[in-house]
Structure formats: structure tokens, C-alpha cells
Amino acid sequence: MTSRQFLPATTALITVTYLLAFSTGLAADPTGKSGISFRQPQVDLASTKAGSAAPAATPGADLSANAAKSDMEDLGEKRQTLQGEVRYAKAKLEAAQKQFALQTAAGDLEKAEHLDQEVKDWQARYSAAKAQLDEVDKQLSDVSQGHSVAADEVVVPGENLEVFVNEDPSFNGIYQVRRGGYIIMPQVGRISVAGKSLSAAEASVKRALQSSQLHNASVMIERKQGADIENGPLIYLSGEFHTPGQWHIPSGITPTLVNVILSAGGVTDKADLTRVRVMRIAANKSVVEEVNVDKILQGGGLTSDITLGEGDVITIPAGPSNLVYVTGNVSSPGGFPLKEGERVSAYAAILQRGGFARFADQKRVYVLRALPDGTKAKLPVDISAIKKGQRPDVQLQTNDILVVPEKWFSW
């Protein structure tokens, strides 16, 4: 096996081993004391210090340069992984701190105590990841000194680069630096950029374009931070949302209450939009504001909508269930909403659900209605007699259950 065949396999094995060691180490020791043992660089750092004489161009020097490039790629991958861990732990820490403040202000000491421990755990994880990132940055700086490039200027695998080509915008786009240290451009192929400064990467892209696609190419490259769904300011949704939980505030947007409710996917049928509560922390105290969102949506004027901020909590309570249920031998059993002031009869409700099924007993239909004492009354409804005009129909109320039984003899 040649050295070129062996090097990628070794790099992949080291990367997998690192990831397993990193996740296991954090889980076993959240304080970060166990740490991560990075391997020593393959290149002799002493020979690359400032003031040392440049080595002669020998086969050994070529191997040393290749080893340095491999080290930079490995450290770049580790740096990207740790940066993601730092962002994730920081976002979780901030979210836990906000929840702790909310529960403390609300007086729920049991939840506050649990969240206090959660804050400490995330703080330890964040500190451990930050310490490991600092160590990798230092190693990357040492390796890169031989190339006269500062660590924070080096292009590393995993980064996203935004490329602009003035002469042909079709090449513009965001390209990820692959594990092998290259980006892939349409119609061009692989272009090596890892271990180089941005200006050197621009030169590489320019050469590649001019060799096959363009007579002249003016190339600009900027680093593009990847979107992190765990990062950014949050608003918390609870109650009768279709998707309760965290809602991330988009960059450059000032959210309002109505905007958040609609953007989060809306509310359930049980939601009472007349009593929506917004809780926020002001001067270390919990402040609750009640808003009639239903009035706003019905034309009360969007000027009455309120602006939200990071850490606000929206709670939509459940109101009275304004539903009527139709079950049994009908074409489409189920419920439907009964609006305030709306009158629906038993026969009309059956027709709304598609009418009777084949073996429905129209004479023995009945309504189950809840009574104030918690029991249910059974009200008989002879639909056959109602259809003939012999009896009046029964007007339904919210939460009524209309039952259509099956005939005893259905053959």
C-alpha cells in the first residue's frame, strides 16, 4: 500500500475515533476534566518557528509538507465539530437559564431546582467544549506558522465558502469544503482550498475557472456561517398550539403575537383565542399580559397586536369545546364545530356527516347530553317521524353526542 493510499484511511480512522472519544468523554464527565487527547502533529513544529532557516527542497521536505497539510485538515475537522458543540451547548445553556428565571418568577420551586441543575450541567458542557476548541485553535496556529497563515485565516474542511464570480454569476453560490480539502464547482470539478488563506483560495478558484471555463475570472470568496437550528433567539409556545415548543425568531424580523401564532402552524380546535397570555420577564419579575387575539383577527385592528421579544412565553388556554359529535351508522362519523349562537338540529347534523349508513336505525337515534352534575341524559330522537313532520327535531348543544344505532335485523 502506498503512502497516498494509506493517508486517507488513516485520516478517516482518526476522525471517527475522535468523534467517539468526544461524545463519550462529555457524557461521562460533563465537567470536561477528562478532556480529549489530540494526536501530536506529524510535522516537527520546532523547524517551522519564526527565524528558523527554510529547509532545502528534498523528498523529506515534501513529506513534511504533506504531513502538515494532513494535520491542518484533521485539526480543521475537529475545529468545526467543536464549534458546533460550543454553539449547541451555549444555546441550550441560555434556554435553560431563561426557563429557570421563568419558573423562579412563577414560584415553582420544584421545577426551578431541577432547572438549576440543568443550567449547571450545560455550563459545564459549554466550558469543556470551549476549552477543547481553544486547544485545537492553538495546535492549528502552530501547524499553520510554517505556511505563514494565521489560524483564523486558514480555510478548513467543513467550512462554507460563498463564491462570487463577476464574469459569470452562474458559478456564484455557497460551497462546503469537503473532507479532502476541496470544493466542487459545477462544470469545473474539485478545487483544493483547505490550508490556504482566503486570498490563496480565490487564486485557486480563479486558475481553475480560467483553465476550462472563462478567459478572465474575477473571484471573491467570503466565509458563510452555516445555519444552526439550535442557535438564535427563542420564543416559547405552550397550550393549544398545533406545534407547541420553541419558535426561533428569524434574523431581521420583529415578531408580533399574531405573526408568531400563524407562523407556528396555528392552534387547535380547543383554543380560546380570547384569553391568550403573554408572559415576559421585566426587572426580574414575571409580567403576564392577556390579549384578545380573536378580536384582532376579526378586524379589531392589527394596531392592537403586541410586539414580542426573546424569551417571551405565549400560552393559549383551552376554551369550552364547541363541538358536536355524530357517531354510529352514518357515512362519515366525527365532530364539527358549533359556532356561538348557531342552531343545528339532530337531522341537520346527520346530513352534515354524509347522511345515514346502510343499516342505520332512524327510529332509535338518541342524543347524549352532559348535565351539570356530571351525568349524561339520553334524549330519544325519532328521525323517521321527524322526516314525516310528526315530531319536532331536537336542537343540539355544544358537546352533545348524537348516536345513530344499527338495526337489530339488518339482512
Protein backbone atom coordinates (compact mmCIF):
# COMPACT_ATOMS: atom_id res chain seq x y z
CA MET A 1 0.00 0.00 0.00
CA THR A 2 1.42 3.38 -0.97
CA SER A 3 1.58 6.38 1.37
CA ARG A 4 -1.10 8.14 -0.70
CA GLN A 5 -3.48 5.19 -0.25
CA PHE A 6 -2.72 4.92 3.44
CA LEU A 7 -3.16 8.61 4.30
CA PRO A 8 -6.98 8.97 3.62
CA ALA A 9 -7.73 5.76 5.50
CA THR A 10 -5.69 6.97 8.45
CA THR A 11 -7.39 10.36 8.40
CA ALA A 12 -10.86 8.76 8.38
CA LEU A 13 -9.95 6.39 11.21
CA ILE A 14 -8.58 9.25 13.33
CA THR A 15 -11.71 11.33 12.70
CA VAL A 16 -14.10 8.51 13.70
CA THR A 17 -12.03 7.73 16.79
CA TYR A 18 -12.09 11.41 17.78
CA LEU A 19 -15.85 11.73 17.42
CA LEU A 20 -16.45 8.63 19.54
CA ALA A 21 -13.99 9.84 22.18
CA PHE A 22 -15.54 13.33 22.20
CA SER A 23 -19.16 12.19 22.69
CA THR A 24 -18.20 9.54 25.26
CA GLY A 25 -15.97 11.93 27.20
CA LEU A 26 -18.63 14.62 27.52
CA ALA A 27 -21.30 12.15 28.57
CA ALA A 28 -19.10 10.50 31.18
CA ASP A 29 -17.58 13.66 32.57
CA PRO A 30 -19.66 16.82 31.97
CA THR A 31 -17.07 18.91 33.80
CA GLY A 32 -14.69 18.32 30.91
CA LYS A 33 -11.84 17.20 33.17
CA SER A 34 -11.35 14.04 31.16
CA GLY A 35 -10.75 16.12 28.01
CA ILE A 36 -9.78 14.96 24.53
CA SER A 37 -6.24 13.83 23.74
CA PHE A 38 -5.36 15.15 20.29
CA ARG A 39 -2.57 13.36 18.50
CA GLN A 40 0.74 15.16 18.08
CA PRO A 41 1.30 16.87 14.71
CA GLN A 42 3.30 14.82 12.24
CA VAL A 43 5.48 17.80 11.32
CA ASP A 44 8.34 19.00 13.54
CA LEU A 45 6.99 22.30 14.82
CA ALA A 46 10.41 23.40 16.04
CA SER A 47 11.65 23.57 12.46
CA THR A 48 8.77 25.90 11.47
CA LYS A 49 9.23 28.53 14.17
CA ALA A 50 9.91 32.09 13.13
CA GLY A 51 13.58 32.68 12.44
CA SER A 52 14.43 29.09 11.54
CA ALA A 53 16.14 28.54 8.24
CA ALA A 54 13.95 27.16 5.50
CA PRO A 55 14.80 23.51 4.77
CA ALA A 56 16.15 22.55 1.39
CA ALA A 57 13.81 21.11 -1.18
CA THR A 58 14.23 17.40 -0.51
CA PRO A 59 11.91 14.38 -0.65
CA GLY A 60 11.79 14.52 3.15
CA ALA A 61 10.66 18.13 2.99
CA ASP A 62 7.86 17.19 0.59
CA LEU A 63 6.70 14.51 3.01
CA SER A 64 6.82 17.04 5.84
CA ALA A 65 4.68 19.47 3.81
CA ASN A 66 2.16 16.72 3.07
CA ALA A 67 2.10 15.77 6.74
CA ALA A 68 1.49 19.40 7.71
CA LYS A 69 -1.38 19.63 5.24
CA SER A 70 -2.89 16.42 6.66
CA ASP A 71 -2.58 17.81 10.18
CA MET A 72 -4.34 21.02 9.17
CA GLU A 73 -7.18 19.06 7.57
CA ASP A 74 -7.60 16.86 10.67
CA LEU A 75 -7.48 19.82 13.02
CA GLY A 76 -9.89 21.72 10.79
CA GLU A 77 -12.45 18.92 11.07
CA LYS A 78 -12.03 18.82 14.85
CA ARG A 79 -12.36 22.61 14.99
CA GLN A 80 -15.64 22.50 13.04
CA THR A 81 -17.05 19.76 15.30
CA LEU A 82 -16.11 21.66 18.44
CA GLN A 83 -17.52 24.93 17.10
CA GLY A 84 -20.85 23.17 16.58
CA GLU A 85 -20.70 21.73 20.09
CA VAL A 86 -19.94 25.16 21.57
CA ARG A 87 -22.88 26.77 19.72
CA TYR A 88 -25.21 23.93 20.73
CA ALA A 89 -24.18 23.99 24.41
CA LYS A 90 -24.40 27.78 24.53
CA ALA A 91 -27.92 27.78 23.06
CA LYS A 92 -29.06 25.07 25.49
CA LEU A 93 -27.47 26.91 28.40
CA GLU A 94 -29.24 30.17 27.52
CA ALA A 95 -32.57 28.37 27.10
CA ALA A 96 -32.17 26.62 30.46
CA GLN A 97 -31.29 29.93 32.14
CA LYS A 98 -34.43 31.57 30.74
CA GLN A 99 -36.62 28.68 31.87
CA PHE A 100 -35.01 28.82 35.31
CA ALA A 101 -35.78 32.54 35.56
CA LEU A 102 -39.37 31.98 34.45
CA GLN A 103 -40.04 29.15 36.92
CA THR A 104 -38.35 31.08 39.73
CA ALA A 105 -40.51 34.12 38.99
CA ALA A 106 -43.61 31.90 38.84
CA GLY A 107 -42.79 30.46 42.27
CA ASP A 108 -42.48 26.84 41.12
CA LEU A 109 -39.55 25.88 43.34
CA GLU A 110 -39.53 22.19 42.35
CA LYS A 111 -39.11 22.94 38.66
CA ALA A 112 -36.69 25.76 39.44
CA GLU A 113 -34.47 23.39 41.41
CA HIS A 114 -34.44 20.89 38.56
CA LEU A 115 -33.65 23.63 36.04
CA ASP A 116 -30.87 24.97 38.27
CA GLN A 117 -29.10 21.63 37.97
CA GLU A 118 -29.72 21.62 34.23
CA VAL A 119 -28.10 25.07 33.97
CA LYS A 120 -25.04 23.79 35.83
CA ASP A 121 -24.77 20.74 33.54
CA TRP A 122 -24.96 22.82 30.36
CA GLN A 123 -22.47 25.33 31.81
CA ALA A 124 -20.00 22.51 32.42
CA ARG A 125 -20.52 21.11 28.92
CA TYR A 126 -20.08 24.55 27.35
CA SER A 127 -16.89 25.22 29.32
CA ALA A 128 -15.43 21.82 28.39
CA ALA A 129 -16.16 22.29 24.68
CA LYS A 130 -14.76 25.84 24.74
CA ALA A 131 -11.54 24.63 26.37
CA GLN A 132 -11.13 21.90 23.75
CA LEU A 133 -11.78 24.42 20.96
CA ASP A 134 -9.09 26.74 22.35
CA GLU A 135 -6.64 23.83 22.39
CA VAL A 136 -7.39 22.91 18.76
CA ASP A 137 -7.03 26.57 17.72
CA LYS A 138 -3.61 26.65 19.35
CA GLN A 139 -2.49 23.48 17.57
CA LEU A 140 -3.82 24.77 14.27
CA SER A 141 -1.92 28.02 14.81
CA ASP A 142 1.32 26.10 15.47
CA VAL A 143 0.95 23.99 12.32
CA SER A 144 -0.01 26.94 10.14
CA GLN A 145 3.01 29.04 11.15
CA GLY A 146 5.13 27.15 8.66
CA HIS A 147 2.75 28.37 5.93
CA SER A 148 2.76 31.99 7.18
CA VAL A 149 -1.05 31.91 7.62
CA ALA A 150 -2.82 32.78 10.88
CA ALA A 151 -5.08 30.06 12.30
CA ASP A 152 -8.26 32.11 12.00
CA GLU A 153 -7.48 32.81 8.32
CA VAL A 154 -6.94 29.20 7.28
CA VAL A 155 -9.68 27.55 5.22
CA VAL A 156 -10.53 24.24 6.88
CA PRO A 157 -12.75 21.27 5.92
CA GLY A 158 -16.37 21.69 6.91
CA GLU A 159 -16.45 25.43 6.30
CA ASN A 160 -18.95 27.05 3.94
CA LEU A 161 -17.45 29.44 1.41
CA GLU A 162 -19.55 31.90 -0.56
CA VAL A 163 -18.01 32.37 -4.02
CA PHE A 164 -18.67 35.34 -6.30
CA VAL A 165 -17.55 35.33 -9.94
CA ASN A 166 -18.14 38.70 -11.60
CA GLU A 167 -17.92 37.46 -15.17
CA ASP A 168 -20.43 34.58 -14.79
CA PRO A 169 -22.94 34.63 -11.88
CA SER A 170 -23.91 31.03 -12.62
CA PHE A 171 -20.82 30.00 -10.65
CA ASN A 172 -21.90 32.07 -7.64
CA GLY A 173 -23.01 30.06 -4.64
CA ILE A 174 -22.17 28.58 -1.28
CA TYR A 175 -19.75 25.66 -1.39
CA GLN A 176 -18.79 23.41 1.50
CA VAL A 177 -15.15 22.45 1.93
CA ARG A 178 -15.17 18.66 1.79
CA ARG A 179 -13.16 16.33 3.99
CA GLY A 180 -10.50 16.05 1.31
CA GLY A 181 -9.91 19.80 1.49
CA TYR A 182 -11.64 20.76 -1.74
CA ILE A 183 -14.86 22.31 -3.02
CA ILE A 184 -16.79 21.03 -6.03
CA MET A 185 -17.91 23.59 -8.61
CA PRO A 186 -20.30 22.69 -11.46
CA GLN A 187 -18.52 22.17 -14.79
CA VAL A 188 -15.17 22.63 -13.07
CA GLY A 189 -14.82 19.80 -10.56
CA ARG A 190 -12.67 19.68 -7.46
CA ILE A 191 -10.69 22.73 -6.40
CA SER A 192 -8.29 22.39 -3.46
CA VAL A 193 -8.71 25.23 -0.91
CA ALA A 194 -8.04 23.76 2.57
CA GLY A 195 -4.96 25.01 4.39
CA LYS A 196 -4.93 28.24 2.38
CA SER A 197 -5.86 31.80 3.18
CA LEU A 198 -8.96 33.28 1.54
CA SER A 199 -6.81 35.15 -1.00
CA ALA A 200 -4.96 31.94 -1.89
CA ALA A 201 -8.27 30.10 -2.20
CA GLU A 202 -9.53 32.84 -4.52
CA ALA A 203 -6.44 32.36 -6.67
CA SER A 204 -7.04 28.59 -6.84
CA VAL A 205 -10.65 29.06 -7.94
CA LYS A 206 -9.57 31.69 -10.48
CA ARG A 207 -6.97 29.34 -12.01
CA ALA A 208 -9.48 26.50 -12.21
CA LEU A 209 -12.08 28.68 -13.94
CA GLN A 210 -9.63 30.22 -16.39
CA SER A 211 -8.21 26.81 -17.32
CA SER A 212 -11.55 25.44 -18.53
CA GLN A 213 -14.46 27.88 -18.40
CA LEU A 214 -13.60 31.58 -18.56
CA HIS A 215 -10.99 33.69 -20.32
CA ASN A 216 -10.83 36.03 -17.33
CA ALA A 217 -12.27 35.42 -13.86
CA SER A 218 -12.60 37.90 -11.00
CA VAL A 219 -13.20 35.79 -7.90
CA MET A 220 -14.16 36.86 -4.39
CA ILE A 221 -14.65 34.43 -1.50
CA GLU A 222 -16.27 35.11 1.86
CA ARG A 223 -16.82 32.78 4.78
CA LYS A 224 -20.50 31.88 5.24
CA GLN A 225 -21.67 30.80 8.66
CA GLY A 226 -23.94 27.77 8.43
CA ALA A 227 -27.47 27.95 9.88
CA ASP A 228 -27.70 26.38 13.33
CA ILE A 229 -31.28 25.42 14.30
CA GLU A 230 -30.30 25.24 17.94
CA ASN A 231 -28.94 28.77 17.95
CA GLY A 232 -30.63 32.15 17.94
CA PRO A 233 -33.31 33.93 20.00
CA LEU A 234 -36.34 31.88 21.03
CA ILE A 235 -40.00 32.39 21.90
CA TYR A 236 -41.74 29.61 23.82
CA LEU A 237 -45.18 28.30 22.83
CA SER A 238 -47.45 26.36 25.19
CA GLY A 239 -51.06 25.32 25.36
CA GLU A 240 -53.33 24.78 22.38
CA PHE A 241 -50.77 25.26 19.59
CA HIS A 242 -50.65 22.63 16.85
CA THR A 243 -46.88 22.53 17.42
CA PRO A 244 -46.03 23.78 20.92
CA GLY A 245 -42.39 24.22 21.89
CA GLN A 246 -39.68 26.63 20.76
CA TRP A 247 -40.12 29.14 17.95
CA HIS A 248 -36.93 30.67 16.54
CA ILE A 249 -37.05 34.37 15.74
CA PRO A 250 -35.81 34.82 12.15
CA SER A 251 -32.92 37.21 11.64
CA GLY A 252 -34.03 40.78 10.95
CA ILE A 253 -37.66 40.13 11.95
CA THR A 254 -39.57 41.81 14.79
CA PRO A 255 -42.22 39.23 15.72
CA THR A 256 -45.76 40.07 16.84
CA LEU A 257 -48.21 37.87 18.67
CA VAL A 258 -50.46 37.24 15.66
CA ASN A 259 -47.46 36.68 13.40
CA VAL A 260 -45.99 34.04 15.71
CA ILE A 261 -49.31 32.19 16.12
CA LEU A 262 -49.79 32.00 12.35
CA SER A 263 -46.14 31.17 11.58
CA ALA A 264 -46.05 28.41 14.20
CA GLY A 265 -48.79 26.45 12.42
CA GLY A 266 -51.91 27.78 14.09
CA VAL A 267 -53.95 26.48 17.00
CA THR A 268 -56.20 23.52 17.83
CA ASP A 269 -59.99 23.49 17.77
CA LYS A 270 -59.98 23.77 21.56
CA ALA A 271 -58.01 27.02 21.62
CA ASP A 272 -59.57 30.03 23.31
CA LEU A 273 -58.09 32.97 21.41
CA THR A 274 -59.95 35.49 23.56
CA ARG A 275 -57.64 34.84 26.53
CA VAL A 276 -54.14 34.43 25.08
CA ARG A 277 -51.48 35.12 27.72
CA VAL A 278 -48.01 36.51 27.08
CA MET A 279 -45.51 36.14 29.93
CA ARG A 280 -42.21 38.00 29.95
CA ILE A 281 -39.53 38.86 32.50
CA ALA A 282 -39.20 42.53 33.47
CA ALA A 283 -36.97 43.70 36.32
CA ASN A 284 -36.54 40.04 37.39
CA LYS A 285 -40.30 39.69 37.79
CA SER A 286 -42.81 37.74 35.72
CA VAL A 287 -45.26 40.02 33.90
CA VAL A 288 -48.36 38.49 32.28
CA GLU A 289 -50.44 40.28 29.65
CA GLU A 290 -53.75 38.91 28.37
CA VAL A 291 -54.66 39.62 24.74
CA ASN A 292 -57.90 39.02 22.82
CA VAL A 293 -56.38 37.64 19.62
CA ASP A 294 -59.81 36.63 18.33
CA LYS A 295 -60.86 40.28 18.29
CA ILE A 296 -57.71 41.23 16.38
CA LEU A 297 -58.33 38.53 13.78
CA GLN A 298 -61.94 39.61 13.35
CA GLY A 299 -60.97 43.16 12.43
CA GLY A 300 -60.24 44.72 15.79
CA GLY A 301 -57.24 46.30 14.13
CA LEU A 302 -53.70 44.99 13.88
CA THR A 303 -52.58 48.09 15.77
CA SER A 304 -53.75 46.26 18.90
CA ASP A 305 -51.29 43.44 18.17
CA ILE A 306 -48.27 43.37 20.50
CA THR A 307 -44.58 43.05 19.76
CA LEU A 308 -42.74 40.07 21.22
CA GLY A 309 -39.13 39.62 22.25
CA GLU A 310 -36.62 36.92 23.03
CA GLY A 311 -37.64 34.66 25.91
CA ASP A 312 -41.35 35.56 25.86
CA VAL A 313 -43.80 32.75 26.60
CA ILE A 314 -47.15 32.52 24.77
CA THR A 315 -49.84 30.39 26.40
CA ILE A 316 -53.12 29.66 24.63
CA PRO A 317 -55.69 28.13 27.03
CA ALA A 318 -58.37 25.65 26.09
CA GLY A 319 -61.84 27.10 25.99
CA PRO A 320 -65.17 25.30 26.08
CA SER A 321 -65.27 22.59 23.44
CA ASN A 322 -67.71 24.00 20.86
CA LEU A 323 -68.12 20.68 19.09
CA VAL A 324 -70.99 18.37 18.28
CA TYR A 325 -70.19 14.71 17.74
CA VAL A 326 -72.06 12.35 15.40
CA THR A 327 -71.26 8.66 15.75
CA GLY A 328 -72.68 5.27 14.79
CA ASN A 329 -74.22 4.34 11.46
CA VAL A 330 -73.58 7.50 9.46
CA SER A 331 -71.49 7.87 6.31
CA SER A 332 -68.77 9.96 7.97
CA PRO A 333 -68.73 9.80 11.79
CA GLY A 334 -66.98 12.66 13.55
CA GLY A 335 -67.38 16.09 15.08
CA PHE A 336 -67.91 19.57 13.73
CA PRO A 337 -67.67 22.97 15.40
CA LEU A 338 -70.79 24.73 16.61
CA LYS A 339 -70.30 28.49 16.47
CA GLU A 340 -71.65 30.78 19.13
CA GLY A 341 -75.35 31.44 18.53
CA GLU A 342 -75.58 28.80 15.78
CA ARG A 343 -78.56 26.40 15.86
CA VAL A 344 -78.18 22.89 14.44
CA SER A 345 -80.83 20.17 14.66
CA ALA A 346 -80.16 16.44 15.01
CA TYR A 347 -81.28 15.64 11.47
CA ALA A 348 -79.22 18.52 10.03
CA ALA A 349 -76.13 17.26 11.91
CA ILE A 350 -76.58 13.78 10.41
CA LEU A 351 -76.79 15.28 6.93
CA GLN A 352 -73.60 17.27 7.59
CA ARG A 353 -71.81 13.97 8.25
CA GLY A 354 -72.94 12.49 4.94
CA GLY A 355 -76.33 11.04 5.93
CA PHE A 356 -77.28 7.60 7.19
CA ALA A 357 -75.28 4.44 6.53
CA ARG A 358 -76.99 1.38 5.02
CA PHE A 359 -78.24 -0.29 8.22
CA ALA A 360 -78.97 2.79 10.32
CA ASP A 361 -81.99 2.59 12.61
CA GLN A 362 -83.57 6.01 12.08
CA LYS A 363 -86.26 5.43 14.72
CA ARG A 364 -83.88 4.81 17.65
CA VAL A 365 -81.47 7.75 17.24
CA TYR A 366 -80.65 9.47 20.52
CA VAL A 367 -78.61 12.36 21.95
CA LEU A 368 -76.28 12.10 24.95
CA ARG A 369 -76.18 15.44 26.75
CA ALA A 370 -73.99 16.34 29.73
CA LEU A 371 -75.81 17.58 32.83
CA PRO A 372 -74.42 19.98 35.47
CA ASP A 373 -73.96 17.13 37.97
CA GLY A 374 -71.61 15.30 35.59
CA THR A 375 -74.11 12.69 34.44
CA LYS A 376 -75.47 12.38 30.89
CA ALA A 377 -79.11 12.42 29.80
CA LYS A 378 -80.33 10.27 26.92
CA LEU A 379 -82.77 12.13 24.64
CA PRO A 380 -84.57 9.93 22.07
CA VAL A 381 -84.82 11.28 18.51
CA ASP A 382 -87.12 9.51 16.03
CA ILE A 383 -85.72 10.76 12.71
CA SER A 384 -88.34 8.79 10.74
CA ALA A 385 -91.13 10.68 12.50
CA ILE A 386 -89.27 13.99 12.12
CA LYS A 387 -88.90 13.45 8.36
CA LYS A 388 -92.68 12.87 8.11
CA GLY A 389 -93.41 16.01 10.15
CA GLN A 390 -94.91 14.02 13.02
CA ARG A 391 -92.40 15.22 15.64
CA PRO A 392 -90.22 18.30 16.06
CA ASP A 393 -86.49 17.96 15.57
CA VAL A 394 -84.12 18.26 18.55
CA GLN A 395 -81.81 21.27 18.70
CA LEU A 396 -78.25 20.28 19.59
CA GLN A 397 -75.98 21.96 22.11
CA THR A 398 -72.18 22.08 22.37
CA ASN A 399 -70.64 18.77 23.45
CA ASP A 400 -73.77 16.81 22.52
CA ILE A 401 -73.13 13.32 21.18
CA LEU A 402 -75.60 12.18 18.52
CA VAL A 403 -75.75 8.38 18.25
CA VAL A 404 -77.25 6.52 15.26
CA PRO A 405 -77.61 2.81 16.19
CA GLU A 406 -77.76 -0.16 13.85
CA LYS A 407 -80.98 -2.03 13.12
CA TRP A 408 -81.43 -5.22 15.06
CA PHE A 409 -82.16 -7.14 11.88
CA SER A 410 -80.04 -5.84 9.05
CA TRP A 411 -80.40 -8.54 6.44
